[in-house]
Amino acid sequence: IETTLPNIGDRWLNLKLPIHEDENKRATITK
C-alpha cells in the first residue's frame, strides 16, 4: 500500500513478479 509511513522500509523489494522468459509470450500477455 503506497503510503508515507516510514515503516514500509524495503519490503517492496521482496516482491517477485512472474515474468515469462519468452519475449513474444510477454508481448501476447501485454496485449
PDB file of all heavy atoms in Angstrom:
ATOM      1  N   ILE A   1       0.864  -1.170   0.000  1.00  0.00           N
ATOM      2  CA  ILE A   1       0.000   0.000   0.000  1.00  0.00           C
ATOM      3  C   ILE A   1       0.904   1.223   0.000  1.00  0.00           C
ATOM      4  O   ILE A   1       1.759   1.375   0.871  1.00  0.00           O
ATOM      5  CB  ILE A   1      -0.920   0.010   1.242  1.00  0.00           C
ATOM      6  CG1 ILE A   1      -1.808  -1.234   1.241  1.00  0.00           C
ATOM      7  CG2 ILE A   1      -1.741   1.283   1.277  1.00  0.00           C
ATOM      8  CD1 ILE A   1      -2.615  -1.410   2.502  1.00  0.00           C
ATOM      9  N   GLU A   2       0.713   2.077  -1.006  1.00  0.00           N
ATOM     10  CA  GLU A   2       1.521   3.288  -1.075  1.00  0.00           C
ATOM     11  C   GLU A   2       1.117   4.210   0.062  1.00  0.00           C
ATOM     12  O   GLU A   2      -0.047   4.552   0.228  1.00  0.00           O
ATOM     13  CB  GLU A   2       1.311   3.975  -2.421  1.00  0.00           C
ATOM     14  CG  GLU A   2       2.216   5.164  -2.599  1.00  0.00           C
ATOM     15  CD  GLU A   2       2.049   5.806  -3.949  1.00  0.00           C
ATOM     16  OE1 GLU A   2       1.382   5.248  -4.810  1.00  0.00           O
ATOM     17  OE2 GLU A   2       2.603   6.902  -4.122  1.00  0.00           O
ATOM     18  N   THR A   3       2.062   4.589   0.815  1.00  0.00           N
ATOM     19  CA  THR A   3       1.786   5.427   1.971  1.00  0.00           C
ATOM     20  C   THR A   3       3.043   6.198   2.324  1.00  0.00           C
ATOM     21  O   THR A   3       4.124   5.920   1.833  1.00  0.00           O
ATOM     22  CB  THR A   3       1.304   4.579   3.163  1.00  0.00           C
ATOM     23  OG1 THR A   3       1.058   5.438   4.268  1.00  0.00           O
ATOM     24  CG2 THR A   3       2.338   3.555   3.553  1.00  0.00           C
ATOM     25  N   THR A   4       2.911   7.150   3.196  1.00  0.00           N
ATOM     26  CA  THR A   4       4.079   7.913   3.621  1.00  0.00           C
ATOM     27  C   THR A   4       4.635   7.381   4.940  1.00  0.00           C
ATOM     28  O   THR A   4       5.567   7.956   5.481  1.00  0.00           O
ATOM     29  CB  THR A   4       3.714   9.401   3.786  1.00  0.00           C
ATOM     30  OG1 THR A   4       2.648   9.509   4.737  1.00  0.00           O
ATOM     31  CG2 THR A   4       3.301  10.003   2.466  1.00  0.00           C
ATOM     32  N   LEU A   5       4.074   6.293   5.429  1.00  0.00           N
ATOM     33  CA  LEU A   5       4.554   5.740   6.686  1.00  0.00           C
ATOM     34  C   LEU A   5       5.998   5.266   6.546  1.00  0.00           C
ATOM     35  O   LEU A   5       6.351   4.592   5.576  1.00  0.00           O
ATOM     36  CB  LEU A   5       3.672   4.579   7.141  1.00  0.00           C
ATOM     37  CG  LEU A   5       2.229   4.940   7.491  1.00  0.00           C
ATOM     38  CD1 LEU A   5       1.451   3.683   7.827  1.00  0.00           C
ATOM     39  CD2 LEU A   5       2.186   5.920   8.641  1.00  0.00           C
ATOM     40  N   PRO A   6       6.830   5.588   7.495  1.00  0.00           N
ATOM     41  CA  PRO A   6       8.244   5.226   7.384  1.00  0.00           C
ATOM     42  C   PRO A   6       8.526   3.746   7.633  1.00  0.00           C
ATOM     43  O   PRO A   6       9.623   3.283   7.366  1.00  0.00           O
ATOM     44  CB  PRO A   6       8.904   6.085   8.470  1.00  0.00           C
ATOM     45  CG  PRO A   6       7.827   6.318   9.465  1.00  0.00           C
ATOM     46  CD  PRO A   6       6.544   6.377   8.681  1.00  0.00           C
ATOM     47  N   ASN A   7       7.543   2.982   8.105  1.00  0.00           N
ATOM     48  CA  ASN A   7       7.810   1.593   8.466  1.00  0.00           C
ATOM     49  C   ASN A   7       7.735   0.626   7.282  1.00  0.00           C
ATOM     50  O   ASN A   7       7.895  -0.570   7.449  1.00  0.00           O
ATOM     51  CB  ASN A   7       6.879   1.121   9.580  1.00  0.00           C
ATOM     52  CG  ASN A   7       5.424   1.156   9.166  1.00  0.00           C
ATOM     53  OD1 ASN A   7       5.087   1.599   8.080  1.00  0.00           O
ATOM     54  ND2 ASN A   7       4.571   0.696  10.055  1.00  0.00           N
ATOM     55  N   ILE A   8       7.494   1.117   6.074  1.00  0.00           N
ATOM     56  CA  ILE A   8       7.461   0.231   4.911  1.00  0.00           C
ATOM     57  C   ILE A   8       8.857  -0.300   4.625  1.00  0.00           C
ATOM     58  O   ILE A   8       9.025  -1.454   4.268  1.00  0.00           O
ATOM     59  CB  ILE A   8       6.884   0.969   3.677  1.00  0.00           C
ATOM     60  CG1 ILE A   8       5.397   1.179   3.877  1.00  0.00           C
ATOM     61  CG2 ILE A   8       7.156   0.189   2.414  1.00  0.00           C
ATOM     62  CD1 ILE A   8       4.738   1.922   2.757  1.00  0.00           C
ATOM     63  N   GLY A   9       9.839   0.554   4.794  1.00  0.00           N
ATOM     64  CA  GLY A   9      11.214   0.130   4.590  1.00  0.00           C
ATOM     65  C   GLY A   9      11.434  -0.408   3.191  1.00  0.00           C
ATOM     66  O   GLY A   9      10.998   0.159   2.205  1.00  0.00           O
ATOM     67  N   ASP A  10      12.101  -1.540   3.120  1.00  0.00           N
ATOM     68  CA  ASP A  10      12.427  -2.160   1.834  1.00  0.00           C
ATOM     69  C   ASP A  10      11.581  -3.387   1.544  1.00  0.00           C
ATOM     70  O   ASP A  10      11.965  -4.229   0.737  1.00  0.00           O
ATOM     71  CB  ASP A  10      13.911  -2.539   1.800  1.00  0.00           C
ATOM     72  CG  ASP A  10      14.822  -1.334   1.755  1.00  0.00           C
ATOM     73  OD1 ASP A  10      14.384  -0.286   1.237  1.00  0.00           O
ATOM     74  OD2 ASP A  10      15.962  -1.431   2.230  1.00  0.00           O
ATOM     75  N   ARG A  11      10.416  -3.508   2.190  1.00  0.00           N
ATOM     76  CA  ARG A  11       9.586  -4.700   1.964  1.00  0.00           C
ATOM     77  C   ARG A  11       9.154  -4.847   0.521  1.00  0.00           C
ATOM     78  O   ARG A  11       8.959  -5.954   0.043  1.00  0.00           O
ATOM     79  CB  ARG A  11       8.358  -4.673   2.876  1.00  0.00           C
ATOM     80  CG  ARG A  11       8.694  -5.034   4.308  1.00  0.00           C
ATOM     81  CD  ARG A  11       7.455  -5.117   5.122  1.00  0.00           C
ATOM     82  NE  ARG A  11       6.998  -3.753   5.378  1.00  0.00           N
ATOM     83  CZ  ARG A  11       5.780  -3.429   5.743  1.00  0.00           C
ATOM     84  NH1 ARG A  11       4.877  -4.341   5.888  1.00  0.00           N
ATOM     85  NH2 ARG A  11       5.459  -2.176   5.972  1.00  0.00           N
ATOM     86  N   TRP A  12       9.022  -3.744  -0.207  1.00  0.00           N
ATOM     87  CA  TRP A  12       8.617  -3.836  -1.611  1.00  0.00           C
ATOM     88  C   TRP A  12       9.663  -4.577  -2.428  1.00  0.00           C
ATOM     89  O   TRP A  12       9.364  -5.145  -3.470  1.00  0.00           O
ATOM     90  CB  TRP A  12       8.355  -2.447  -2.177  1.00  0.00           C
ATOM     91  CG  TRP A  12       9.589  -1.581  -2.249  1.00  0.00           C
ATOM     92  CD1 TRP A  12      10.082  -0.779  -1.267  1.00  0.00           C
ATOM     93  CD2 TRP A  12      10.473  -1.463  -3.350  1.00  0.00           C
ATOM     94  NE1 TRP A  12      11.224  -0.159  -1.687  1.00  0.00           N
ATOM     95  CE2 TRP A  12      11.486  -0.570  -2.974  1.00  0.00           C
ATOM     96  CE3 TRP A  12      10.513  -2.026  -4.620  1.00  0.00           C
ATOM     97  CZ2 TRP A  12      12.530  -0.224  -3.816  1.00  0.00           C
ATOM     98  CZ3 TRP A  12      11.555  -1.668  -5.454  1.00  0.00           C
ATOM     99  CH2 TRP A  12      12.543  -0.783  -5.058  1.00  0.00           C
ATOM    100  N   LEU A  13      10.900  -4.630  -1.949  1.00  0.00           N
ATOM    101  CA  LEU A  13      11.952  -5.347  -2.669  1.00  0.00           C
ATOM    102  C   LEU A  13      11.752  -6.861  -2.628  1.00  0.00           C
ATOM    103  O   LEU A  13      12.373  -7.592  -3.400  1.00  0.00           O
ATOM    104  CB  LEU A  13      13.328  -4.997  -2.083  1.00  0.00           C
ATOM    105  CG  LEU A  13      13.763  -3.541  -2.263  1.00  0.00           C
ATOM    106  CD1 LEU A  13      15.033  -3.264  -1.460  1.00  0.00           C
ATOM    107  CD2 LEU A  13      13.976  -3.232  -3.726  1.00  0.00           C
ATOM    108  N   ASN A  14      10.886  -7.349  -1.726  1.00  0.00           N
ATOM    109  CA  ASN A  14      10.628  -8.785  -1.617  1.00  0.00           C
ATOM    110  C   ASN A  14       9.671  -9.304  -2.670  1.00  0.00           C
ATOM    111  O   ASN A  14       9.483 -10.508  -2.797  1.00  0.00           O
ATOM    112  CB  ASN A  14      10.073  -9.125  -0.226  1.00  0.00           C
ATOM    113  CG  ASN A  14      11.095  -8.889   0.859  1.00  0.00           C
ATOM    114  OD1 ASN A  14      12.279  -9.071   0.647  1.00  0.00           O
ATOM    115  ND2 ASN A  14      10.643  -8.478   2.027  1.00  0.00           N
ATOM    116  N   LEU A  15       9.044  -8.409  -3.407  1.00  0.00           N
ATOM    117  CA  LEU A  15       8.110  -8.837  -4.440  1.00  0.00           C
ATOM    118  C   LEU A  15       8.856  -9.497  -5.592  1.00  0.00           C
ATOM    119  O   LEU A  15       9.872  -9.002  -6.056  1.00  0.00           O
ATOM    120  CB  LEU A  15       7.318  -7.646  -4.988  1.00  0.00           C
ATOM    121  CG  LEU A  15       6.233  -7.094  -4.097  1.00  0.00           C
ATOM    122  CD1 LEU A  15       5.631  -5.864  -4.758  1.00  0.00           C
ATOM    123  CD2 LEU A  15       5.162  -8.126  -3.850  1.00  0.00           C
ATOM    124  N   LYS A  16       8.312 -10.612  -6.038  1.00  0.00           N
ATOM    125  CA  LYS A  16       8.848 -11.301  -7.205  1.00  0.00           C
ATOM    126  C   LYS A  16       7.709 -11.453  -8.194  1.00  0.00           C
ATOM    127  O   LYS A  16       6.757 -12.177  -7.955  1.00  0.00           O
ATOM    128  CB  LYS A  16       9.422 -12.663  -6.815  1.00  0.00           C
ATOM    129  CG  LYS A  16      10.638 -12.532  -5.932  1.00  0.00           C
ATOM    130  CD  LYS A  16      11.236 -13.856  -5.602  1.00  0.00           C
ATOM    131  CE  LYS A  16      12.429 -13.654  -4.687  1.00  0.00           C
ATOM    132  NZ  LYS A  16      12.968 -14.894  -4.180  1.00  0.00           N
ATOM    133  N   LEU A  17       7.800 -10.710  -9.283  1.00  0.00           N
ATOM    134  CA  LEU A  17       6.737 -10.719 -10.278  1.00  0.00           C
ATOM    135  C   LEU A  17       7.001 -11.806 -11.306  1.00  0.00           C
ATOM    136  O   LEU A  17       8.127 -11.952 -11.784  1.00  0.00           O
ATOM    137  CB  LEU A  17       6.640  -9.356 -10.966  1.00  0.00           C
ATOM    138  CG  LEU A  17       6.392  -8.187 -10.023  1.00  0.00           C
ATOM    139  CD1 LEU A  17       6.412  -6.881 -10.806  1.00  0.00           C
ATOM    140  CD2 LEU A  17       5.079  -8.354  -9.297  1.00  0.00           C
ATOM    141  N   PRO A  18       5.958 -12.568 -11.642  1.00  0.00           N
ATOM    142  CA  PRO A  18       6.134 -13.632 -12.637  1.00  0.00           C
ATOM    143  C   PRO A  18       6.210 -13.032 -14.042  1.00  0.00           C
ATOM    144  O   PRO A  18       5.234 -12.519 -14.561  1.00  0.00           O
ATOM    145  CB  PRO A  18       4.880 -14.484 -12.464  1.00  0.00           C
ATOM    146  CG  PRO A  18       3.865 -13.528 -11.936  1.00  0.00           C
ATOM    147  CD  PRO A  18       4.622 -12.523 -11.106  1.00  0.00           C
ATOM    148  N   ILE A  19       7.392 -13.063 -14.623  1.00  0.00           N
ATOM    149  CA  ILE A  19       7.595 -12.528 -15.964  1.00  0.00           C
ATOM    150  C   ILE A  19       8.079 -13.668 -16.853  1.00  0.00           C
ATOM    151  O   ILE A  19       9.086 -14.315 -16.562  1.00  0.00           O
ATOM    152  CB  ILE A  19       8.611 -11.376 -15.952  1.00  0.00           C
ATOM    153  CG1 ILE A  19       8.090 -10.235 -15.067  1.00  0.00           C
ATOM    154  CG2 ILE A  19       8.914 -10.888 -17.363  1.00  0.00           C
ATOM    155  CD1 ILE A  19       9.064  -9.115 -14.854  1.00  0.00           C
ATOM    156  N   HIS A  20       7.347 -13.908 -17.921  1.00  0.00           N
ATOM    157  CA  HIS A  20       7.679 -15.002 -18.834  1.00  0.00           C
ATOM    158  C   HIS A  20       9.026 -14.743 -19.504  1.00  0.00           C
ATOM    159  O   HIS A  20       9.352 -13.615 -19.850  1.00  0.00           O
ATOM    160  CB  HIS A  20       6.576 -15.160 -19.880  1.00  0.00           C
ATOM    161  CG  HIS A  20       6.499 -16.526 -20.448  1.00  0.00           C
ATOM    162  ND1 HIS A  20       7.377 -16.981 -21.383  1.00  0.00           N
ATOM    163  CD2 HIS A  20       5.654 -17.557 -20.191  1.00  0.00           C
ATOM    164  CE1 HIS A  20       7.077 -18.227 -21.714  1.00  0.00           C
ATOM    165  NE2 HIS A  20       6.027 -18.595 -20.988  1.00  0.00           N
ATOM    166  N   GLU A  21       9.804 -15.793 -19.707  1.00  0.00           N
ATOM    167  CA  GLU A  21      11.122 -15.652 -20.329  1.00  0.00           C
ATOM    168  C   GLU A  21      11.031 -15.321 -21.817  1.00  0.00           C
ATOM    169  O   GLU A  21      11.897 -14.635 -22.357  1.00  0.00           O
ATOM    170  CB  GLU A  21      11.924 -16.944 -20.153  1.00  0.00           C
ATOM    171  CG  GLU A  21      12.281 -17.227 -18.711  1.00  0.00           C
ATOM    172  CD  GLU A  21      13.021 -18.545 -18.551  1.00  0.00           C
ATOM    173  OE1 GLU A  21      13.287 -19.218 -19.573  1.00  0.00           O
ATOM    174  OE2 GLU A  21      13.327 -18.896 -17.411  1.00  0.00           O
ATOM    175  N   ASP A  22       9.994 -15.801 -22.490  1.00  0.00           N
ATOM    176  CA  ASP A  22       9.841 -15.604 -23.929  1.00  0.00           C
ATOM    177  C   ASP A  22       9.277 -14.210 -24.214  1.00  0.00           C
ATOM    178  O   ASP A  22       8.190 -13.857 -23.769  1.00  0.00           O
ATOM    179  CB  ASP A  22       8.903 -16.679 -24.485  1.00  0.00           C
ATOM    180  CG  ASP A  22       8.699 -16.589 -25.981  1.00  0.00           C
ATOM    181  OD1 ASP A  22       9.197 -15.634 -26.615  1.00  0.00           O
ATOM    182  OD2 ASP A  22       8.027 -17.486 -26.528  1.00  0.00           O
ATOM    183  N   GLU A  23      10.020 -13.419 -24.988  1.00  0.00           N
ATOM    184  CA  GLU A  23       9.604 -12.047 -25.288  1.00  0.00           C
ATOM    185  C   GLU A  23       8.282 -12.006 -26.041  1.00  0.00           C
ATOM    186  O   GLU A  23       7.446 -11.139 -25.797  1.00  0.00           O
ATOM    187  CB  GLU A  23      10.687 -11.346 -26.110  1.00  0.00           C
ATOM    188  CG  GLU A  23      10.408  -9.895 -26.357  1.00  0.00           C
ATOM    189  CD  GLU A  23      11.539  -9.190 -27.081  1.00  0.00           C
ATOM    190  OE1 GLU A  23      12.666  -9.726 -27.099  1.00  0.00           O
ATOM    191  OE2 GLU A  23      11.290  -8.111 -27.627  1.00  0.00           O
ATOM    192  N   ASN A  24       8.060 -12.951 -26.950  1.00  0.00           N
ATOM    193  CA  ASN A  24       6.801 -12.996 -27.699  1.00  0.00           C
ATOM    194  C   ASN A  24       5.625 -13.284 -26.772  1.00  0.00           C
ATOM    195  O   ASN A  24       4.546 -12.718 -26.929  1.00  0.00           O
ATOM    196  CB  ASN A  24       6.863 -14.036 -28.809  1.00  0.00           C
ATOM    197  CG  ASN A  24       7.832 -13.646 -29.904  1.00  0.00           C
ATOM    198  OD1 ASN A  24       7.978 -12.466 -30.206  1.00  0.00           O
ATOM    199  ND2 ASN A  24       8.506 -14.623 -30.476  1.00  0.00           N
ATOM    200  N   LYS A  25       5.838 -14.178 -25.827  1.00  0.00           N
ATOM    201  CA  LYS A  25       4.784 -14.502 -24.865  1.00  0.00           C
ATOM    202  C   LYS A  25       4.469 -13.287 -23.992  1.00  0.00           C
ATOM    203  O   LYS A  25       3.308 -13.003 -23.699  1.00  0.00           O
ATOM    204  CB  LYS A  25       5.204 -15.701 -24.006  1.00  0.00           C
ATOM    205  CG  LYS A  25       4.124 -16.237 -23.133  1.00  0.00           C
ATOM    206  CD  LYS A  25       3.019 -16.854 -23.957  1.00  0.00           C
ATOM    207  CE  LYS A  25       2.049 -17.588 -23.049  1.00  0.00           C
ATOM    208  NZ  LYS A  25       0.923 -18.132 -23.783  1.00  0.00           N
ATOM    209  N   ARG A  26       5.507 -12.540 -23.590  1.00  0.00           N
ATOM    210  CA  ARG A  26       5.282 -11.315 -22.798  1.00  0.00           C
ATOM    211  C   ARG A  26       4.463 -10.311 -23.588  1.00  0.00           C
ATOM    212  O   ARG A  26       3.565  -9.675 -23.043  1.00  0.00           O
ATOM    213  CB  ARG A  26       6.622 -10.698 -22.378  1.00  0.00           C
ATOM    214  CG  ARG A  26       7.348 -11.443 -21.285  1.00  0.00           C
ATOM    215  CD  ARG A  26       8.463 -10.631 -20.653  1.00  0.00           C
ATOM    216  NE  ARG A  26       9.385 -10.028 -21.599  1.00  0.00           N
ATOM    217  CZ  ARG A  26      10.553 -10.540 -21.966  1.00  0.00           C
ATOM    218  NH1 ARG A  26      10.952 -11.696 -21.458  1.00  0.00           N
ATOM    219  NH2 ARG A  26      11.336  -9.906 -22.811  1.00  0.00           N
ATOM    220  N   ALA A  27       4.760 -10.183 -24.882  1.00  0.00           N
ATOM    221  CA  ALA A  27       4.003  -9.261 -25.726  1.00  0.00           C
ATOM    222  C   ALA A  27       2.550  -9.693 -25.826  1.00  0.00           C
ATOM    223  O   ALA A  27       1.631  -8.861 -25.772  1.00  0.00           O
ATOM    224  CB  ALA A  27       4.634  -9.165 -27.110  1.00  0.00           C
ATOM    225  N   THR A  28       2.318 -10.994 -25.967  1.00  0.00           N
ATOM    226  CA  THR A  28       0.957 -11.522 -26.030  1.00  0.00           C
ATOM    227  C   THR A  28       0.207 -11.238 -24.731  1.00  0.00           C
ATOM    228  O   THR A  28      -0.946 -10.790 -24.740  1.00  0.00           O
ATOM    229  CB  THR A  28       0.976 -13.035 -26.306  1.00  0.00           C
ATOM    230  OG1 THR A  28       1.618 -13.260 -27.562  1.00  0.00           O
ATOM    231  CG2 THR A  28      -0.418 -13.617 -26.321  1.00  0.00           C
ATOM    232  N   ILE A  29       0.856 -11.483 -23.612  1.00  0.00           N
ATOM    233  CA  ILE A  29       0.243 -11.239 -22.302  1.00  0.00           C
ATOM    234  C   ILE A  29      -0.079  -9.760 -22.156  1.00  0.00           C
ATOM    235  O   ILE A  29      -1.156  -9.386 -21.674  1.00  0.00           O
ATOM    236  CB  ILE A  29       1.164 -11.731 -21.160  1.00  0.00           C
ATOM    237  CG1 ILE A  29       1.277 -13.262 -21.212  1.00  0.00           C
ATOM    238  CG2 ILE A  29       0.675 -11.253 -19.803  1.00  0.00           C
ATOM    239  CD1 ILE A  29       2.372 -13.830 -20.327  1.00  0.00           C
ATOM    240  N   THR A  30       0.836  -8.894 -22.584  1.00  0.00           N
ATOM    241  CA  THR A  30       0.612  -7.449 -22.506  1.00  0.00           C
ATOM    242  C   THR A  30      -0.625  -7.047 -23.299  1.00  0.00           C
ATOM    243  O   THR A  30      -1.472  -6.292 -22.809  1.00  0.00           O
ATOM    244  CB  THR A  30       1.848  -6.691 -23.033  1.00  0.00           C
ATOM    245  OG1 THR A  30       2.972  -6.999 -22.192  1.00  0.00           O
ATOM    246  CG2 THR A  30       1.625  -5.188 -23.042  1.00  0.00           C
ATOM    247  N   LYS A  31      -0.747  -7.558 -24.523  1.00  0.00           N
ATOM    248  CA  LYS A  31      -1.913  -7.248 -25.347  1.00  0.00           C
ATOM    249  C   LYS A  31      -3.198  -7.746 -24.702  1.00  0.00           C
ATOM    250  O   LYS A  31      -4.218  -7.052 -24.715  1.00  0.00           O
ATOM    251  CB  LYS A  31      -1.763  -7.881 -26.740  1.00  0.00           C
ATOM    252  CG  LYS A  31      -0.738  -7.197 -27.599  1.00  0.00           C
ATOM    253  CD  LYS A  31      -0.609  -7.912 -28.933  1.00  0.00           C
ATOM    254  CE  LYS A  31       0.554  -7.357 -29.735  1.00  0.00           C
ATOM    255  NZ  LYS A  31       0.776  -8.098 -30.978  1.00  0.00           N
TER     256      LYS A  31
END
